[in-house]
Amino acid sequence: MSRATSSRADRDATTGGVVVIDHLSKNFGHVHAVDDLSFTVHPGRVTGFLGPNGAGKTTTLRILLGLVSPTAGTATIGGSTYGHFVQPMRSVGAALEAANIHPGRSALDHLRVYAPQAGVSDARCREVLDFVGLGSVARRRAGGFSLGMRQRLALATTLLGDPPVLLLDEPANGLDPEGIAWLRGLLRHLASEGRTVLVSSHVLSEVEQTVDDVVIIAKGRLVHASTLEQLAALAEPSVRVMSPDAAGLDALITEAGWRDRVEPADVRAPGVAVIHRVSAREIGARAFAAGLELHELASRDVGLEGIFLQLVGEDVGAGTAEPHLEEVAR
């Protein structure tokens, strides 16, 4: 099979660009790094693959790229596993580690190493360097690059073969605010061209202005998958109320049927309550009708990051197993 024919076959295989994770599991001994995970990533959209460190994100991506064998389930791109692509870089662009760059090579020479695998010319190497903002340092050795510059070079590598699917692991790591804004625009542009863009991160706030859809995992399991708008809709109103009449406030809560919506008062002074799933307007109206004096009626905005933290729960900041397991997987 000729290179041109191989390239066409790979592109045909990823025409749909749909990434499907179907009941995927990966065990490292007794540790369940990925546990019966299922979700779908669609083309023309940027999908955030989110979870605390150690949640199983990188393991999932490595299985998707054929670097790790699953214990059970499947991970496919356009209906095929990664190993079936004859010229993978023409089908899938992946950046798992920005640090995997030889320090003695220039940015241009780094891309030249991968150019034969992607079936592209030297001109294409220069083109993608310009595209990611590294054209002016094309001949500088990568060893002198900042982490942000290496991230850009890693992105340039993923784009060499002009693939319809992009898998990026923590691409904003090391970027300054200007670089993050640039990355946001780049990913939106790539998705607008109909590409499938999957971006992992352990911080929702880092990608919330970029993604269309979110897939959130914790302890290797799916905890939420939806559009970003649907995730935001999960935010429930929360209001802090303070009154000099503690008994009156308590009676108001009971009469309104809000007892199960009030946070435990263990650490608050009498006359102070935090009430969930009730608006400040409704609380204020009932207090006025009851003649209850209020000194504070403050809505608390949970926000997307707050929702994310609630979904992943105790896993936040606690997961350290996966990096170790990745070393085992290598």
C-alpha atoms as a PDB file:
ATOM      1  CA  MET A   1       0.000   0.000   0.000  1.00  0.00           C
ATOM      2  CA  SER A   2       1.429   3.361  -1.015  1.00  0.00           C
ATOM      3  CA  ARG A   3       1.871   6.228   1.460  1.00  0.00           C
ATOM      4  CA  ALA A   4      -0.896   8.225  -0.252  1.00  0.00           C
ATOM      5  CA  THR A   5      -3.286   5.278  -0.108  1.00  0.00           C
ATOM      6  CA  SER A   6      -2.398   4.632   3.528  1.00  0.00           C
ATOM      7  CA  SER A   7      -3.070   8.269   4.381  1.00  0.00           C
ATOM      8  CA  ARG A   8      -6.470   8.193   2.693  1.00  0.00           C
ATOM      9  CA  ALA A   9      -7.390   4.991   4.513  1.00  0.00           C
ATOM     10  CA  ASP A  10      -6.475   6.521   7.871  1.00  0.00           C
ATOM     11  CA  ARG A  11      -8.427   9.686   7.128  1.00  0.00           C
ATOM     12  CA  ASP A  12     -11.455   7.668   6.038  1.00  0.00           C
ATOM     13  CA  ALA A  13     -11.260   5.758   9.332  1.00  0.00           C
ATOM     14  CA  THR A  14     -11.474   9.009  11.290  1.00  0.00           C
ATOM     15  CA  THR A  15     -13.941  10.849   9.074  1.00  0.00           C
ATOM     16  CA  GLY A  16     -16.502  10.765  11.883  1.00  0.00           C
ATOM     17  CA  GLY A  17     -13.855  11.824  14.392  1.00  0.00           C
ATOM     18  CA  VAL A  18     -15.894  10.334  17.224  1.00  0.00           C
ATOM     19  CA  VAL A  19     -13.905   9.116  20.224  1.00  0.00           C
ATOM     20  CA  VAL A  20     -15.705   6.376  22.151  1.00  0.00           C
ATOM     21  CA  ILE A  21     -14.625   5.050  25.536  1.00  0.00           C
ATOM     22  CA  ASP A  22     -16.780   1.984  26.200  1.00  0.00           C
ATOM     23  CA  HIS A  23     -16.766   0.255  29.608  1.00  0.00           C
ATOM     24  CA  LEU A  24     -13.013   0.802  29.821  1.00  0.00           C
ATOM     25  CA  SER A  25     -11.076  -0.571  32.787  1.00  0.00           C
ATOM     26  CA  LYS A  26      -7.389  -0.742  33.624  1.00  0.00           C
ATOM     27  CA  ASN A  27      -5.970  -2.413  36.714  1.00  0.00           C
ATOM     28  CA  PHE A  28      -2.404  -2.155  37.929  1.00  0.00           C
ATOM     29  CA  GLY A  29      -2.310  -5.015  40.388  1.00  0.00           C
ATOM     30  CA  HIS A  30      -5.010  -4.278  42.939  1.00  0.00           C
ATOM     31  CA  VAL A  31      -5.309  -0.627  41.905  1.00  0.00           C
ATOM     32  CA  HIS A  32      -8.209   0.313  39.601  1.00  0.00           C
ATOM     33  CA  ALA A  33      -6.740   3.213  37.622  1.00  0.00           C
ATOM     34  CA  VAL A  34      -9.733   3.224  35.246  1.00  0.00           C
ATOM     35  CA  ASP A  35     -12.958   1.593  36.387  1.00  0.00           C
ATOM     36  CA  ASP A  36     -15.751   0.773  33.891  1.00  0.00           C
ATOM     37  CA  LEU A  37     -15.466   4.177  32.203  1.00  0.00           C
ATOM     38  CA  SER A  38     -17.728   5.146  29.294  1.00  0.00           C
ATOM     39  CA  PHE A  39     -18.132   8.442  27.423  1.00  0.00           C
ATOM     40  CA  THR A  40     -18.192   9.840  23.877  1.00  0.00           C
ATOM     41  CA  VAL A  41     -16.349  12.825  22.374  1.00  0.00           C
ATOM     42  CA  HIS A  42     -17.848  14.455  19.279  1.00  0.00           C
ATOM     43  CA  PRO A  43     -16.242  16.371  16.388  1.00  0.00           C
ATOM     44  CA  GLY A  44     -16.625  20.118  16.000  1.00  0.00           C
ATOM     45  CA  ARG A  45     -16.455  20.626  19.760  1.00  0.00           C
ATOM     46  CA  VAL A  46     -13.821  21.095  22.451  1.00  0.00           C
ATOM     47  CA  THR A  47     -14.325  18.565  25.239  1.00  0.00           C
ATOM     48  CA  GLY A  48     -12.729  19.015  28.643  1.00  0.00           C
ATOM     49  CA  PHE A  49     -11.575  15.741  30.212  1.00  0.00           C
ATOM     50  CA  LEU A  50     -11.480  16.701  33.866  1.00  0.00           C
ATOM     51  CA  GLY A  51     -10.607  15.198  37.217  1.00  0.00           C
ATOM     52  CA  PRO A  52      -8.177  15.591  40.113  1.00  0.00           C
ATOM     53  CA  ASN A  53      -4.608  14.370  39.788  1.00  0.00           C
ATOM     54  CA  GLY A  54      -4.611  10.584  39.837  1.00  0.00           C
ATOM     55  CA  ALA A  55      -8.223  10.301  38.637  1.00  0.00           C
ATOM     56  CA  GLY A  56      -7.260   8.192  35.601  1.00  0.00           C
ATOM     57  CA  LYS A  57      -7.180  10.798  32.830  1.00  0.00           C
ATOM     58  CA  THR A  58      -3.680  10.097  31.518  1.00  0.00           C
ATOM     59  CA  THR A  59      -4.148   6.347  31.777  1.00  0.00           C
ATOM     60  CA  THR A  60      -7.294   6.658  29.653  1.00  0.00           C
ATOM     61  CA  LEU A  61      -5.475   8.716  27.027  1.00  0.00           C
ATOM     62  CA  ARG A  62      -2.574   6.278  26.946  1.00  0.00           C
ATOM     63  CA  ILE A  63      -4.989   3.395  26.357  1.00  0.00           C
ATOM     64  CA  LEU A  64      -6.645   5.403  23.592  1.00  0.00           C
ATOM     65  CA  LEU A  65      -3.218   5.828  21.963  1.00  0.00           C
ATOM     66  CA  GLY A  66      -2.287   2.166  22.275  1.00  0.00           C
ATOM     67  CA  LEU A  67       0.442   2.819  24.840  1.00  0.00           C
ATOM     68  CA  VAL A  68      -1.313   0.810  27.550  1.00  0.00           C
ATOM     69  CA  SER A  69      -3.471  -2.293  27.109  1.00  0.00           C
ATOM     70  CA  PRO A  70      -6.873  -2.167  28.798  1.00  0.00           C
ATOM     71  CA  THR A  71      -7.957  -4.774  31.309  1.00  0.00           C
ATOM     72  CA  ALA A  72     -11.469  -4.608  29.848  1.00  0.00           C
ATOM     73  CA  GLY A  73     -13.521  -2.493  27.458  1.00  0.00           C
ATOM     74  CA  THR A  74     -12.518  -0.541  24.362  1.00  0.00           C
ATOM     75  CA  ALA A  75     -11.218   2.885  23.353  1.00  0.00           C
ATOM     76  CA  THR A  76     -11.760   3.784  19.691  1.00  0.00           C
ATOM     77  CA  ILE A  77     -11.300   6.724  17.349  1.00  0.00           C
ATOM     78  CA  GLY A  78     -13.653   6.840  14.384  1.00  0.00           C
ATOM     79  CA  GLY A  79     -14.579   3.234  15.111  1.00  0.00           C
ATOM     80  CA  SER A  80     -10.976   1.961  15.031  1.00  0.00           C
ATOM     81  CA  THR A  81      -8.319   1.414  17.643  1.00  0.00           C
ATOM     82  CA  TYR A  82      -5.168   3.490  17.314  1.00  0.00           C
ATOM     83  CA  GLY A  83      -3.085   0.468  16.319  1.00  0.00           C
ATOM     84  CA  HIS A  84      -5.096   0.038  13.114  1.00  0.00           C
ATOM     85  CA  PHE A  85      -3.989   3.387  11.643  1.00  0.00           C
ATOM     86  CA  VAL A  86      -1.226   2.935   9.075  1.00  0.00           C
ATOM     87  CA  GLN A  87      -0.080   6.554   9.394  1.00  0.00           C
ATOM     88  CA  PRO A  88      -1.330   7.616  12.844  1.00  0.00           C
ATOM     89  CA  MET A  89      -0.100  11.227  12.762  1.00  0.00           C
ATOM     90  CA  ARG A  90      -2.388  11.873   9.802  1.00  0.00           C
ATOM     91  CA  SER A  91      -5.347  10.689  11.886  1.00  0.00           C
ATOM     92  CA  VAL A  92      -4.660  11.651  15.498  1.00  0.00           C
ATOM     93  CA  GLY A  93      -2.535  14.408  16.986  1.00  0.00           C
ATOM     94  CA  ALA A  94      -1.542  13.668  20.573  1.00  0.00           C
ATOM     95  CA  ALA A  95       0.526  15.556  23.125  1.00  0.00           C
ATOM     96  CA  LEU A  96       0.933  13.786  26.443  1.00  0.00           C
ATOM     97  CA  GLU A  97       4.278  15.204  27.554  1.00  0.00           C
ATOM     98  CA  ALA A  98       5.700  18.555  26.503  1.00  0.00           C
ATOM     99  CA  ALA A  99       9.000  17.539  28.143  1.00  0.00           C
ATOM    100  CA  ASN A 100       9.590  14.715  25.636  1.00  0.00           C
ATOM    101  CA  ILE A 101      11.771  16.943  23.441  1.00  0.00           C
ATOM    102  CA  HIS A 102      15.511  16.482  22.824  1.00  0.00           C
ATOM    103  CA  PRO A 103      17.216  19.557  24.340  1.00  0.00           C
ATOM    104  CA  GLY A 104      19.990  19.563  21.731  1.00  0.00           C
ATOM    105  CA  ARG A 105      17.664  19.843  18.731  1.00  0.00           C
ATOM    106  CA  SER A 106      16.228  23.049  17.374  1.00  0.00           C
ATOM    107  CA  ALA A 107      12.472  23.447  17.182  1.00  0.00           C
ATOM    108  CA  LEU A 108      12.636  22.948  13.419  1.00  0.00           C
ATOM    109  CA  ASP A 109      14.814  19.841  13.683  1.00  0.00           C
ATOM    110  CA  HIS A 110      12.458  18.409  16.291  1.00  0.00           C
ATOM    111  CA  LEU A 111       9.617  18.587  13.777  1.00  0.00           C
ATOM    112  CA  ARG A 112      11.843  17.243  10.993  1.00  0.00           C
ATOM    113  CA  VAL A 113      12.296  14.058  13.020  1.00  0.00           C
ATOM    114  CA  TYR A 114       8.531  13.477  12.945  1.00  0.00           C
ATOM    115  CA  ALA A 115       7.904  14.756   9.423  1.00  0.00           C
ATOM    116  CA  PRO A 116       8.461  11.349   7.705  1.00  0.00           C
ATOM    117  CA  GLN A 117       5.970   9.700  10.082  1.00  0.00           C
ATOM    118  CA  ALA A 118       3.397  12.339   9.195  1.00  0.00           C
ATOM    119  CA  GLY A 119       4.294  12.216   5.506  1.00  0.00           C
ATOM    120  CA  VAL A 120       4.859  15.981   5.304  1.00  0.00           C
ATOM    121  CA  SER A 121       7.495  18.296   3.872  1.00  0.00           C
ATOM    122  CA  ASP A 122       9.966  20.680   5.471  1.00  0.00           C
ATOM    123  CA  ALA A 123       7.662  23.513   4.469  1.00  0.00           C
ATOM    124  CA  ARG A 124       4.904  22.053   6.624  1.00  0.00           C
ATOM    125  CA  CYS A 125       7.277  22.018   9.608  1.00  0.00           C
ATOM    126  CA  ARG A 126       7.891  25.727   9.179  1.00  0.00           C
ATOM    127  CA  GLU A 127       4.190  26.369   8.669  1.00  0.00           C
ATOM    128  CA  VAL A 128       3.110  24.803  11.956  1.00  0.00           C
ATOM    129  CA  LEU A 129       5.919  26.555  13.854  1.00  0.00           C
ATOM    130  CA  ASP A 130       4.577  29.870  12.563  1.00  0.00           C
ATOM    131  CA  PHE A 131       1.062  28.771  13.461  1.00  0.00           C
ATOM    132  CA  VAL A 132       1.962  28.164  17.144  1.00  0.00           C
ATOM    133  CA  GLY A 133       4.061  31.316  17.403  1.00  0.00           C
ATOM    134  CA  LEU A 134       7.517  29.720  17.310  1.00  0.00           C
ATOM    135  CA  GLY A 135       8.550  30.742  13.811  1.00  0.00           C
ATOM    136  CA  SER A 136      11.049  33.320  15.081  1.00  0.00           C
ATOM    137  CA  VAL A 137      12.842  30.715  17.248  1.00  0.00           C
ATOM    138  CA  ALA A 138      12.713  27.835  14.766  1.00  0.00           C
ATOM    139  CA  ARG A 139      16.500  27.345  14.880  1.00  0.00           C
ATOM    140  CA  ARG A 140      16.931  27.741  18.630  1.00  0.00           C
ATOM    141  CA  ARG A 141      17.710  24.646  20.679  1.00  0.00           C
ATOM    142  CA  ALA A 142      14.716  23.370  22.608  1.00  0.00           C
ATOM    143  CA  GLY A 143      16.856  22.953  25.723  1.00  0.00           C
ATOM    144  CA  GLY A 144      16.651  26.715  26.225  1.00  0.00           C
ATOM    145  CA  PHE A 145      12.882  26.834  25.852  1.00  0.00           C
ATOM    146  CA  SER A 146      10.556  27.677  28.716  1.00  0.00           C
ATOM    147  CA  LEU A 147       7.884  25.146  29.665  1.00  0.00           C
ATOM    148  CA  GLY A 148       5.332  27.247  27.815  1.00  0.00           C
ATOM    149  CA  MET A 149       7.447  27.236  24.635  1.00  0.00           C
ATOM    150  CA  ARG A 150       7.837  23.468  24.869  1.00  0.00           C
ATOM    151  CA  GLN A 151       4.062  23.195  25.172  1.00  0.00           C
ATOM    152  CA  ARG A 152       3.745  25.162  21.942  1.00  0.00           C
ATOM    153  CA  LEU A 153       6.302  22.924  20.256  1.00  0.00           C
ATOM    154  CA  ALA A 154       4.390  19.854  21.414  1.00  0.00           C
ATOM    155  CA  LEU A 155       1.235  21.350  19.895  1.00  0.00           C
ATOM    156  CA  ALA A 156       3.100  21.992  16.644  1.00  0.00           C
ATOM    157  CA  THR A 157       4.082  18.322  16.581  1.00  0.00           C
ATOM    158  CA  THR A 158       0.466  17.201  16.991  1.00  0.00           C
ATOM    159  CA  LEU A 159      -0.573  19.405  14.058  1.00  0.00           C
ATOM    160  CA  LEU A 160       2.102  18.207  11.609  1.00  0.00           C
ATOM    161  CA  GLY A 161      -0.145  15.699   9.857  1.00  0.00           C
ATOM    162  CA  ASP A 162      -3.204  18.004   9.907  1.00  0.00           C
ATOM    163  CA  PRO A 163      -5.159  15.358  11.897  1.00  0.00           C
ATOM    164  CA  PRO A 164      -8.943  15.472  12.413  1.00  0.00           C
ATOM    165  CA  VAL A 165      -8.606  14.366  16.063  1.00  0.00           C
ATOM    166  CA  LEU A 166      -6.511  16.054  18.763  1.00  0.00           C
ATOM    167  CA  LEU A 167      -5.785  14.595  22.222  1.00  0.00           C
ATOM    168  CA  LEU A 168      -4.027  17.051  24.526  1.00  0.00           C
ATOM    169  CA  ASP A 169      -2.981  16.277  28.094  1.00  0.00           C
ATOM    170  CA  GLU A 170      -2.750  19.431  30.282  1.00  0.00           C
ATOM    171  CA  PRO A 171      -1.820  21.721  27.325  1.00  0.00           C
ATOM    172  CA  ALA A 172      -2.137  24.911  29.399  1.00  0.00           C
ATOM    173  CA  ASN A 173       0.532  23.773  31.879  1.00  0.00           C
ATOM    174  CA  GLY A 174       3.364  26.307  31.911  1.00  0.00           C
ATOM    175  CA  LEU A 175       1.588  28.906  29.790  1.00  0.00           C
ATOM    176  CA  ASP A 176       1.344  32.496  31.013  1.00  0.00           C
ATOM    177  CA  PRO A 177      -2.039  34.326  30.846  1.00  0.00           C
ATOM    178  CA  GLU A 178      -1.288  35.519  27.322  1.00  0.00           C
ATOM    179  CA  GLY A 179      -0.373  31.984  26.292  1.00  0.00           C
ATOM    180  CA  ILE A 180      -3.556  30.574  27.817  1.00  0.00           C
ATOM    181  CA  ALA A 181      -5.626  33.120  25.885  1.00  0.00           C
ATOM    182  CA  TRP A 182      -3.756  32.119  22.716  1.00  0.00           C
ATOM    183  CA  LEU A 183      -4.367  28.417  23.402  1.00  0.00           C
ATOM    184  CA  ARG A 184      -8.056  29.077  23.981  1.00  0.00           C
ATOM    185  CA  GLY A 185      -8.353  30.771  20.593  1.00  0.00           C
ATOM    186  CA  LEU A 186      -6.363  28.019  18.882  1.00  0.00           C
ATOM    187  CA  LEU A 187      -8.525  25.211  20.245  1.00  0.00           C
ATOM    188  CA  ARG A 188     -11.732  27.050  19.379  1.00  0.00           C
ATOM    189  CA  HIS A 189     -10.405  27.565  15.825  1.00  0.00           C
ATOM    190  CA  LEU A 190      -9.477  23.895  15.428  1.00  0.00           C
ATOM    191  CA  ALA A 191     -12.900  22.770  16.634  1.00  0.00           C
ATOM    192  CA  SER A 192     -14.594  25.218  14.264  1.00  0.00           C
ATOM    193  CA  GLU A 193     -12.888  23.363  11.419  1.00  0.00           C
ATOM    194  CA  GLY A 194     -14.780  20.236  12.443  1.00  0.00           C
ATOM    195  CA  ARG A 195     -11.983  18.546  14.375  1.00  0.00           C
ATOM    196  CA  THR A 196     -12.495  16.523  17.530  1.00  0.00           C
ATOM    197  CA  VAL A 197     -10.573  18.192  20.372  1.00  0.00           C
ATOM    198  CA  LEU A 198     -10.168  16.436  23.740  1.00  0.00           C
ATOM    199  CA  VAL A 199      -8.290  18.409  26.399  1.00  0.00           C
ATOM    200  CA  SER A 200      -7.462  17.020  29.838  1.00  0.00           C
ATOM    201  CA  SER A 201      -7.033  19.177  32.916  1.00  0.00           C
ATOM    202  CA  HIS A 202      -7.287  18.847  36.684  1.00  0.00           C
ATOM    203  CA  VAL A 203      -8.559  22.438  37.017  1.00  0.00           C
ATOM    204  CA  LEU A 204     -11.949  23.342  35.540  1.00  0.00           C
ATOM    205  CA  SER A 205     -11.316  27.090  35.755  1.00  0.00           C
ATOM    206  CA  GLU A 206      -8.339  26.608  33.430  1.00  0.00           C
ATOM    207  CA  VAL A 207     -10.536  25.385  30.565  1.00  0.00           C
ATOM    208  CA  GLU A 208     -14.071  26.600  31.313  1.00  0.00           C
ATOM    209  CA  GLN A 209     -13.796  29.447  28.785  1.00  0.00           C
ATOM    210  CA  THR A 210     -12.582  27.015  26.136  1.00  0.00           C
ATOM    211  CA  VAL A 211     -14.671  23.840  26.269  1.00  0.00           C
ATOM    212  CA  ASP A 212     -18.125  23.050  24.914  1.00  0.00           C
ATOM    213  CA  ASP A 213     -18.533  19.724  26.710  1.00  0.00           C
ATOM    214  CA  VAL A 214     -17.172  18.269  29.937  1.00  0.00           C
ATOM    215  CA  VAL A 215     -16.356  14.728  31.035  1.00  0.00           C
ATOM    216  CA  ILE A 216     -15.492  14.530  34.734  1.00  0.00           C
ATOM    217  CA  ILE A 217     -13.964  11.470  36.370  1.00  0.00           C
ATOM    218  CA  ALA A 218     -12.798  10.596  39.874  1.00  0.00           C
ATOM    219  CA  LYS A 219     -11.119   7.396  41.068  1.00  0.00           C
ATOM    220  CA  GLY A 220     -11.197   6.171  37.481  1.00  0.00           C
ATOM    221  CA  ARG A 221     -14.983   6.366  37.243  1.00  0.00           C
ATOM    222  CA  LEU A 222     -17.296   8.734  35.399  1.00  0.00           C
ATOM    223  CA  VAL A 223     -19.054  11.201  37.694  1.00  0.00           C
ATOM    224  CA  HIS A 224     -20.493  13.591  35.102  1.00  0.00           C
ATOM    225  CA  ALA A 225     -20.715  14.105  31.331  1.00  0.00           C
ATOM    226  CA  SER A 226     -22.656  16.940  29.683  1.00  0.00           C
ATOM    227  CA  THR A 227     -22.375  20.256  27.897  1.00  0.00           C
ATOM    228  CA  LEU A 228     -20.773  23.064  29.878  1.00  0.00           C
ATOM    229  CA  GLU A 229     -24.145  24.810  30.054  1.00  0.00           C
ATOM    230  CA  GLN A 230     -25.757  21.723  31.580  1.00  0.00           C
ATOM    231  CA  LEU A 231     -22.987  21.531  34.162  1.00  0.00           C
ATOM    232  CA  ALA A 232     -23.556  25.168  35.093  1.00  0.00           C
ATOM    233  CA  ALA A 233     -27.265  24.445  35.559  1.00  0.00           C
ATOM    234  CA  LEU A 234     -26.357  22.127  38.438  1.00  0.00           C
ATOM    235  CA  ALA A 235     -25.458  25.144  40.535  1.00  0.00           C
ATOM    236  CA  GLU A 236     -28.019  25.480  43.294  1.00  0.00           C
ATOM    237  CA  PRO A 237     -28.763  28.820  44.958  1.00  0.00           C
ATOM    238  CA  SER A 238     -27.346  29.154  48.430  1.00  0.00           C
ATOM    239  CA  VAL A 239     -28.176  32.037  50.766  1.00  0.00           C
ATOM    240  CA  ARG A 240     -26.614  33.113  54.068  1.00  0.00           C
ATOM    241  CA  VAL A 241     -29.203  34.585  56.416  1.00  0.00           C
ATOM    242  CA  MET A 242     -28.580  36.416  59.714  1.00  0.00           C
ATOM    243  CA  SER A 243     -31.203  37.684  62.145  1.00  0.00           C
ATOM    244  CA  PRO A 244     -31.042  39.028  65.725  1.00  0.00           C
ATOM    245  CA  ASP A 245     -34.104  36.849  66.384  1.00  0.00           C
ATOM    246  CA  ALA A 246     -32.611  33.341  66.328  1.00  0.00           C
ATOM    247  CA  ALA A 247     -35.821  31.668  67.455  1.00  0.00           C
ATOM    248  CA  GLY A 248     -37.822  33.532  64.817  1.00  0.00           C
ATOM    249  CA  LEU A 249     -35.389  32.512  62.068  1.00  0.00           C
ATOM    250  CA  ASP A 250     -35.560  28.898  63.202  1.00  0.00           C
ATOM    251  CA  ALA A 251     -39.358  29.017  63.181  1.00  0.00           C
ATOM    252  CA  LEU A 252     -39.368  30.545  59.694  1.00  0.00           C
ATOM    253  CA  ILE A 253     -37.166  27.745  58.382  1.00  0.00           C
ATOM    254  CA  THR A 254     -39.426  25.093  59.915  1.00  0.00           C
ATOM    255  CA  GLU A 255     -42.673  26.663  58.673  1.00  0.00           C
ATOM    256  CA  ALA A 256     -41.309  27.029  55.141  1.00  0.00           C
ATOM    257  CA  GLY A 257     -40.216  23.381  55.043  1.00  0.00           C
ATOM    258  CA  TRP A 258     -36.552  24.241  54.551  1.00  0.00           C
ATOM    259  CA  ARG A 259     -35.169  22.224  57.459  1.00  0.00           C
ATOM    260  CA  ASP A 260     -33.488  19.672  55.168  1.00  0.00           C
ATOM    261  CA  ARG A 261     -31.953  22.466  53.096  1.00  0.00           C
ATOM    262  CA  VAL A 262     -30.069  24.133  55.943  1.00  0.00           C
ATOM    263  CA  GLU A 263     -26.380  23.473  56.560  1.00  0.00           C
ATOM    264  CA  PRO A 264     -25.506  22.126  60.021  1.00  0.00           C
ATOM    265  CA  ALA A 265     -25.110  25.034  62.447  1.00  0.00           C
ATOM    266  CA  ASP A 266     -22.255  23.524  64.474  1.00  0.00           C
ATOM    267  CA  VAL A 267     -19.760  26.314  63.710  1.00  0.00           C
ATOM    268  CA  ARG A 268     -22.157  29.238  63.364  1.00  0.00           C
ATOM    269  CA  ALA A 269     -23.563  31.598  65.965  1.00  0.00           C
ATOM    270  CA  PRO A 270     -27.301  31.487  66.772  1.00  0.00           C
ATOM    271  CA  GLY A 271     -29.380  33.461  64.304  1.00  0.00           C
ATOM    272  CA  VAL A 272     -27.222  32.516  61.312  1.00  0.00           C
ATOM    273  CA  ALA A 273     -28.227  29.957  58.673  1.00  0.00           C
ATOM    274  CA  VAL A 274     -27.083  28.917  55.209  1.00  0.00           C
ATOM    275  CA  ILE A 275     -30.045  27.702  53.170  1.00  0.00           C
ATOM    276  CA  HIS A 276     -29.639  25.795  49.894  1.00  0.00           C
ATOM    277  CA  ARG A 277     -31.970  25.532  46.899  1.00  0.00           C
ATOM    278  CA  VAL A 278     -33.953  28.605  47.922  1.00  0.00           C
ATOM    279  CA  SER A 279     -33.543  32.083  46.407  1.00  0.00           C
ATOM    280  CA  ALA A 280     -32.748  35.188  48.449  1.00  0.00           C
ATOM    281  CA  ARG A 281     -35.934  36.761  47.055  1.00  0.00           C
ATOM    282  CA  GLU A 282     -38.128  33.980  48.468  1.00  0.00           C
ATOM    283  CA  ILE A 283     -36.434  34.063  51.866  1.00  0.00           C
ATOM    284  CA  GLY A 284     -36.722  37.839  52.042  1.00  0.00           C
ATOM    285  CA  ALA A 285     -40.417  37.779  51.119  1.00  0.00           C
ATOM    286  CA  ARG A 286     -41.237  35.183  53.787  1.00  0.00           C
ATOM    287  CA  ALA A 287     -39.209  37.045  56.431  1.00  0.00           C
ATOM    288  CA  PHE A 288     -41.038  40.293  55.589  1.00  0.00           C
ATOM    289  CA  ALA A 289     -44.434  38.578  55.804  1.00  0.00           C
ATOM    290  CA  ALA A 290     -43.490  37.086  59.183  1.00  0.00           C
ATOM    291  CA  GLY A 291     -42.160  40.401  60.498  1.00  0.00           C
ATOM    292  CA  LEU A 292     -38.711  38.878  60.994  1.00  0.00           C
ATOM    293  CA  GLU A 293     -35.843  41.353  61.121  1.00  0.00           C
ATOM    294  CA  LEU A 294     -32.871  40.389  58.939  1.00  0.00           C
ATOM    295  CA  HIS A 295     -29.362  41.793  59.188  1.00  0.00           C
ATOM    296  CA  GLU A 296     -27.958  39.776  56.286  1.00  0.00           C
ATOM    297  CA  LEU A 297     -29.431  38.123  53.193  1.00  0.00           C
ATOM    298  CA  ALA A 298     -26.514  37.197  50.910  1.00  0.00           C
ATOM    299  CA  SER A 299     -26.583  34.885  47.908  1.00  0.00           C
ATOM    300  CA  ARG A 300     -23.526  32.675  47.506  1.00  0.00           C
ATOM    301  CA  ASP A 301     -22.477  31.844  43.943  1.00  0.00           C
ATOM    302  CA  VAL A 302     -21.241  28.265  43.819  1.00  0.00           C
ATOM    303  CA  GLY A 303     -19.725  28.686  40.348  1.00  0.00           C
ATOM    304  CA  LEU A 304     -18.470  26.041  37.972  1.00  0.00           C
ATOM    305  CA  GLU A 305     -15.348  25.297  39.984  1.00  0.00           C
ATOM    306  CA  GLY A 306     -17.479  24.766  43.069  1.00  0.00           C
ATOM    307  CA  ILE A 307     -19.685  22.312  41.194  1.00  0.00           C
ATOM    308  CA  PHE A 308     -16.588  20.503  39.953  1.00  0.00           C
ATOM    309  CA  LEU A 309     -15.221  20.198  43.491  1.00  0.00           C
ATOM    310  CA  GLN A 310     -18.549  18.869  44.731  1.00  0.00           C
ATOM    311  CA  LEU A 311     -18.648  16.250  41.979  1.00  0.00           C
ATOM    312  CA  VAL A 312     -15.135  14.923  42.562  1.00  0.00           C
ATOM    313  CA  GLY A 313     -15.504  15.228  46.332  1.00  0.00           C
ATOM    314  CA  GLU A 314     -12.694  13.983  48.523  1.00  0.00           C
ATOM    315  CA  ASP A 315     -10.508  13.120  45.535  1.00  0.00           C
ATOM    316  CA  VAL A 316      -9.478  16.760  45.122  1.00  0.00           C
ATOM    317  CA  GLY A 317      -5.822  17.221  45.961  1.00  0.00           C
ATOM    318  CA  ALA A 318      -5.540  13.640  47.207  1.00  0.00           C
ATOM    319  CA  GLY A 319      -4.810  11.661  44.071  1.00  0.00           C
ATOM    320  CA  THR A 320      -1.171  10.797  43.614  1.00  0.00           C
ATOM    321  CA  ALA A 321      -1.371   7.207  42.452  1.00  0.00           C
ATOM    322  CA  GLU A 322      -1.684   7.700  38.718  1.00  0.00           C
ATOM    323  CA  PRO A 323       1.717   9.332  38.015  1.00  0.00           C
ATOM    324  CA  HIS A 324       3.387   6.357  39.697  1.00  0.00           C
ATOM    325  CA  LEU A 325       1.226   3.937  37.737  1.00  0.00           C
ATOM    326  CA  GLU A 326       2.147   5.727  34.503  1.00  0.00           C
ATOM    327  CA  GLU A 327       5.782   4.934  35.208  1.00  0.00           C
ATOM    328  CA  VAL A 328       4.810   1.276  35.600  1.00  0.00           C
ATOM    329  CA  ALA A 329       2.839   1.455  32.327  1.00  0.00           C
ATOM    330  CA  ARG A 330       5.834   2.737  30.408  1.00  0.00           C
END
